[in-house]
């Protein structure tokens, strides 16, 4: 399975938490109604659906390079104002658009500055958000910290070190390099509460996402060691629940 292919599996892993961030993000943007939006890297349609519900747009076009995600979004988002297309960030339509957004995708675009420049060309307002992989995305941090302890030879898989720009300063720097003058940033912190360790761990077994794909690449004994190592690190409460938080950084230009 590709790292980013199964929309349903992604929803159980990260989608349910990204939905909370999307709501705060769209509210922060404070855009008027009846605008034309472009959702770059729309994934399963979480941000598109939030825009439809909270921003009263004229239209929203969601694009994503994963045909599986686009198919999931087309089924999940039932609104005549929304449409979806299989496109990468290097193949964005000409527009023009009033608002171009990218949720939890900028770190997966190889040519980030070029992508932001293109978004600036076709959009009046450009805004993005990314997870704080190095510190604030706790459900992933426990996983990768365990990996670094048990398998330091695999440190290059750690999203915290791979995506060091996922901070307020990092996003502002990318935006300014792409030609934006007025750039604002903010943090968005949401709760990620799991009813049990199984509720936390099961999504890692799906293969969709960087951490699940890495876990699947290990042999069964190493997978078991990762599971027990993570279990020992997590703050599991007396009732078995696990109460974490996830922080994202957002920028608008």
Protein backbone atom coordinates (compact mmCIF):
# COMPACT_ATOMS: atom_id res chain seq x y z
CA UNK A 1 0.00 0.00 0.00
CA UNK A 2 1.17 3.53 -0.77
CA UNK A 3 1.81 5.83 2.19
CA UNK A 4 -1.13 7.98 1.09
CA UNK A 5 -3.71 5.82 -0.63
CA UNK A 6 -6.56 4.76 1.66
CA UNK A 7 -8.87 7.58 2.72
CA UNK A 8 -10.76 5.55 5.31
CA UNK A 9 -7.58 4.41 7.04
CA UNK A 10 -6.22 7.97 7.04
CA UNK A 11 -9.42 9.24 8.64
CA UNK A 12 -8.97 6.91 11.63
CA UNK A 13 -5.29 7.84 11.92
CA UNK A 14 -5.05 11.63 11.46
CA UNK A 15 -8.24 12.78 9.73
CA UNK A 16 -10.34 12.81 12.88
CA UNK A 17 -7.89 15.22 14.51
CA UNK A 18 -7.24 17.37 11.44
CA UNK A 19 -10.97 18.07 11.35
CA UNK A 20 -10.66 19.93 14.67
CA UNK A 21 -7.75 22.00 13.39
CA UNK A 22 -9.55 22.80 10.13
CA UNK A 23 -12.47 24.38 11.99
CA UNK A 24 -10.21 26.76 13.93
CA UNK A 25 -8.15 27.49 10.81
CA UNK A 26 -11.12 28.53 8.67
CA UNK A 27 -12.52 30.64 11.50
CA UNK A 28 -9.15 32.40 11.84
CA UNK A 29 -9.06 33.28 8.14
CA UNK A 30 -12.23 35.41 8.48
CA UNK A 31 -13.04 35.38 4.76
CA UNK A 32 -16.31 36.80 3.40
CA UNK A 33 -18.96 34.63 1.77
CA UNK A 34 -19.30 33.78 -1.94
CA UNK A 35 -15.59 33.41 -2.68
CA UNK A 36 -13.82 30.91 -4.95
CA UNK A 37 -11.56 28.58 -2.92
CA UNK A 38 -8.84 26.13 -3.95
CA UNK A 39 -7.92 23.37 -1.46
CA UNK A 40 -4.42 22.10 -2.36
CA UNK A 41 -3.74 18.57 -1.16
CA UNK A 42 -7.37 18.16 -0.17
CA UNK A 43 -6.88 14.58 1.02
CA UNK A 44 -10.14 13.10 2.27
CA UNK A 45 -11.99 16.43 1.99
CA UNK A 46 -11.81 17.49 5.64
CA UNK A 47 -10.80 21.09 4.94
CA UNK A 48 -13.08 21.38 1.91
CA UNK A 49 -16.02 20.24 4.01
CA UNK A 50 -15.14 22.75 6.73
CA UNK A 51 -14.96 25.58 4.19
CA UNK A 52 -18.38 24.64 2.83
CA UNK A 53 -19.88 24.58 6.29
CA UNK A 54 -18.18 27.62 7.85
CA UNK A 55 -17.19 30.03 5.05
CA UNK A 56 -20.23 29.92 2.71
CA UNK A 57 -18.10 29.85 -0.47
CA UNK A 58 -19.29 30.16 -4.05
CA UNK A 59 -17.15 27.16 -5.05
CA UNK A 60 -14.40 24.96 -3.66
CA UNK A 61 -12.06 22.96 -5.88
CA UNK A 62 -10.08 20.29 -4.04
CA UNK A 63 -7.00 18.81 -5.70
CA UNK A 64 -4.79 15.94 -4.54
CA UNK A 65 -2.26 13.65 -6.27
CA UNK A 66 -3.81 10.56 -4.65
CA UNK A 67 -6.69 9.14 -6.71
CA UNK A 68 -7.75 7.13 -3.66
CA UNK A 69 -8.09 10.24 -1.53
CA UNK A 70 -9.95 12.14 -4.27
CA UNK A 71 -12.39 9.26 -4.66
CA UNK A 72 -12.96 9.23 -0.89
CA UNK A 73 -13.51 13.02 -0.86
CA UNK A 74 -15.99 12.84 -3.73
CA UNK A 75 -18.07 10.35 -1.76
CA UNK A 76 -17.70 12.11 1.60
CA UNK A 77 -18.45 15.68 0.46
CA UNK A 78 -21.95 15.93 -0.97
CA UNK A 79 -22.28 19.59 -1.94
CA UNK A 80 -22.85 20.99 -5.43
CA UNK A 81 -20.39 23.83 -4.72
CA UNK A 82 -17.51 21.36 -4.32
CA UNK A 83 -15.54 19.56 -7.01
CA UNK A 84 -12.37 17.46 -6.89
CA UNK A 85 -9.56 16.66 -9.29
CA UNK A 86 -6.43 14.49 -9.23
CA UNK A 87 -3.58 17.02 -9.43
CA UNK A 88 -0.27 17.57 -7.66
CA UNK A 89 0.92 20.89 -6.26
CA UNK A 90 3.05 21.23 -9.39
CA UNK A 91 -0.06 21.07 -11.59
CA UNK A 92 -2.35 23.66 -10.02
CA UNK A 93 -5.08 25.16 -12.22
CA UNK A 94 -4.81 28.74 -13.43
CA UNK A 95 -7.74 30.07 -11.44
CA UNK A 96 -7.95 32.79 -10.43
CA UNK A 97 -9.08 31.99 -6.88
CA UNK A 98 -9.96 34.27 -4.02
CA UNK A 99 -8.50 31.95 -1.38
CA UNK A 100 -5.93 29.16 -1.80
CA UNK A 101 -5.42 26.91 1.20
CA UNK A 102 -3.27 23.85 1.94
CA UNK A 103 -3.92 21.85 5.10
CA UNK A 104 -1.29 19.43 6.45
CA UNK A 105 0.35 19.09 3.06
CA UNK A 106 3.15 21.65 2.64
CA UNK A 107 5.74 19.38 4.28
CA UNK A 108 5.04 16.68 1.67
CA UNK A 109 5.62 19.03 -1.29
CA UNK A 110 9.27 18.76 -2.40
CA UNK A 111 9.44 22.25 -3.95
CA UNK A 112 7.67 24.20 -1.20
CA UNK A 113 8.72 27.73 -2.12
CA UNK A 114 7.84 27.17 -5.77
CA UNK A 115 4.45 25.80 -4.75
CA UNK A 116 3.77 28.84 -2.56
CA UNK A 117 4.81 31.14 -5.41
CA UNK A 118 2.33 29.39 -7.70
CA UNK A 119 -0.41 29.66 -5.06
CA UNK A 120 0.38 33.38 -4.81
CA UNK A 121 0.05 33.74 -8.60
CA UNK A 122 -3.42 32.22 -8.73
CA UNK A 123 -4.85 33.29 -5.35
CA UNK A 124 -5.58 36.61 -3.68
CA UNK A 125 -5.13 35.09 -0.20
CA UNK A 126 -2.94 32.08 0.56
CA UNK A 127 -3.02 30.21 3.88
CA UNK A 128 -1.61 26.90 5.12
CA UNK A 129 -1.25 24.84 8.27
CA UNK A 130 1.11 22.02 9.22
CA UNK A 131 1.58 19.79 12.25
CA UNK A 132 4.31 20.70 14.71
CA UNK A 133 6.11 17.38 14.19
CA UNK A 134 9.14 18.22 16.34
CA UNK A 135 7.31 19.05 19.55
CA UNK A 136 3.57 19.56 19.50
CA UNK A 137 2.10 16.57 17.64
CA UNK A 138 2.13 14.26 20.66
CA UNK A 139 0.52 11.15 19.17
CA UNK A 140 3.34 11.00 16.60
CA UNK A 141 6.05 12.20 18.96
CA UNK A 142 5.58 9.21 21.29
CA UNK A 143 5.94 6.89 18.30
CA UNK A 144 9.07 8.48 16.86
CA UNK A 145 10.74 8.99 20.25
CA UNK A 146 10.32 5.25 20.82
CA UNK A 147 11.78 4.57 17.38
CA UNK A 148 14.80 6.79 18.13
CA UNK A 149 15.44 4.85 21.33
CA UNK A 150 14.96 1.34 19.93
CA UNK A 151 16.18 1.84 16.37
CA UNK A 152 18.45 4.92 16.17
CA UNK A 153 19.62 3.72 12.76
CA UNK A 154 16.16 4.68 11.47
CA UNK A 155 16.36 8.31 12.65
CA UNK A 156 15.89 9.58 9.08
CA UNK A 157 12.24 8.49 9.29
CA UNK A 158 11.51 10.93 12.15
CA UNK A 159 9.10 13.56 10.85
CA UNK A 160 10.31 15.97 13.54
CA UNK A 161 13.78 16.16 12.00
CA UNK A 162 12.57 15.76 8.41
CA UNK A 163 10.18 18.72 8.66
CA UNK A 164 12.07 21.19 10.83
CA UNK A 165 10.41 24.14 9.09
CA UNK A 166 7.02 23.27 10.62
CA UNK A 167 7.15 26.14 13.10
CA UNK A 168 5.83 29.71 13.08
CA UNK A 169 9.27 31.02 12.10
CA UNK A 170 9.75 28.33 9.47
CA UNK A 171 6.42 29.02 7.77
CA UNK A 172 6.98 32.77 7.82
CA UNK A 173 10.39 32.25 6.22
CA UNK A 174 8.93 30.13 3.42
CA UNK A 175 6.17 32.66 2.76
CA UNK A 176 8.60 35.57 2.60
CA UNK A 177 10.94 33.62 0.30
CA UNK A 178 7.93 33.01 -1.96
CA UNK A 179 7.32 36.77 -2.20
CA UNK A 180 4.63 37.40 0.42
CA UNK A 181 4.97 40.71 2.24
CA UNK A 182 2.37 40.66 5.01
CA UNK A 183 2.54 37.26 6.76
CA UNK A 184 0.73 36.27 9.95
CA UNK A 185 1.10 33.02 11.89
CA UNK A 186 -0.60 31.34 14.84
CA UNK A 187 -0.67 28.05 16.70
CA UNK A 188 -3.72 25.80 16.83
CA UNK A 189 -3.83 23.22 19.63
CA UNK A 190 -6.54 20.54 19.75
CA UNK A 191 -7.18 17.62 22.14
CA UNK A 192 -6.53 14.08 20.90
CA UNK A 193 -8.19 11.74 23.38
CA UNK A 194 -8.02 7.96 23.01
CA UNK A 195 -10.30 5.60 24.93
CA UNK A 196 -7.59 2.94 25.24
CA UNK A 197 -4.17 1.92 24.02
CA UNK A 198 -5.81 -0.12 21.25
CA UNK A 199 -7.70 2.99 20.14
CA UNK A 200 -4.33 4.78 19.92
CA UNK A 201 -2.34 1.95 18.32
CA UNK A 202 -4.73 0.40 15.80
CA UNK A 203 -4.48 3.31 13.28
CA UNK A 204 -0.69 2.79 13.16
CA UNK A 205 -1.35 -0.65 11.66
CA UNK A 206 -3.11 0.67 8.55
CA UNK A 207 -0.05 1.54 6.46
CA UNK A 208 -1.36 4.98 5.42
CA UNK A 209 0.92 7.76 6.63
CA UNK A 210 4.66 8.00 7.30
CA UNK A 211 4.67 6.33 10.74
CA UNK A 212 2.29 3.48 9.77
CA UNK A 213 4.25 2.82 6.55
CA UNK A 214 7.46 2.68 8.56
CA UNK A 215 5.93 0.33 11.12
CA UNK A 216 4.70 -1.97 8.36
CA UNK A 217 8.23 -2.16 6.93
CA UNK A 218 9.55 -3.77 10.15
CA UNK A 219 9.57 -7.47 10.84
CA UNK A 220 6.97 -8.75 13.36
CA UNK A 221 9.36 -8.86 16.31
CA UNK A 222 10.43 -5.25 15.78
CA UNK A 223 6.80 -4.20 15.37
CA UNK A 224 6.03 -5.82 18.73
CA UNK A 225 8.98 -4.03 20.33
CA UNK A 226 7.76 -0.69 18.96
CA UNK A 227 4.25 -1.34 20.28
CA UNK A 228 5.41 -2.17 23.80
CA UNK A 229 7.92 0.68 23.81
CA UNK A 230 5.23 3.18 22.90
CA UNK A 231 2.87 1.70 25.47
CA UNK A 232 5.47 2.22 28.22
CA UNK A 233 5.96 5.88 27.25
CA UNK A 234 2.33 6.92 26.94
CA UNK A 235 0.55 8.63 29.87
CA UNK A 236 -2.18 5.99 30.23
CA UNK A 237 -4.71 6.96 32.89
CA UNK A 238 -6.36 4.68 35.45
CA UNK A 239 -9.40 4.16 33.22
CA UNK A 240 -7.17 3.23 30.27
CA UNK A 241 -7.70 6.49 28.39
CA UNK A 242 -4.87 8.53 26.88
CA UNK A 243 -5.23 12.29 26.79
CA UNK A 244 -2.85 14.04 24.42
CA UNK A 245 -2.81 17.25 22.41
CA UNK A 246 -1.84 18.06 18.84
CA UNK A 247 -0.40 21.39 17.79
CA UNK A 248 -0.44 22.81 14.29
CA UNK A 249 1.11 26.03 12.98
CA UNK A 250 -0.82 28.17 10.49
CA UNK A 251 0.28 31.00 8.23
CA UNK A 252 -1.56 33.44 5.96
CA UNK A 253 -0.18 35.80 3.35
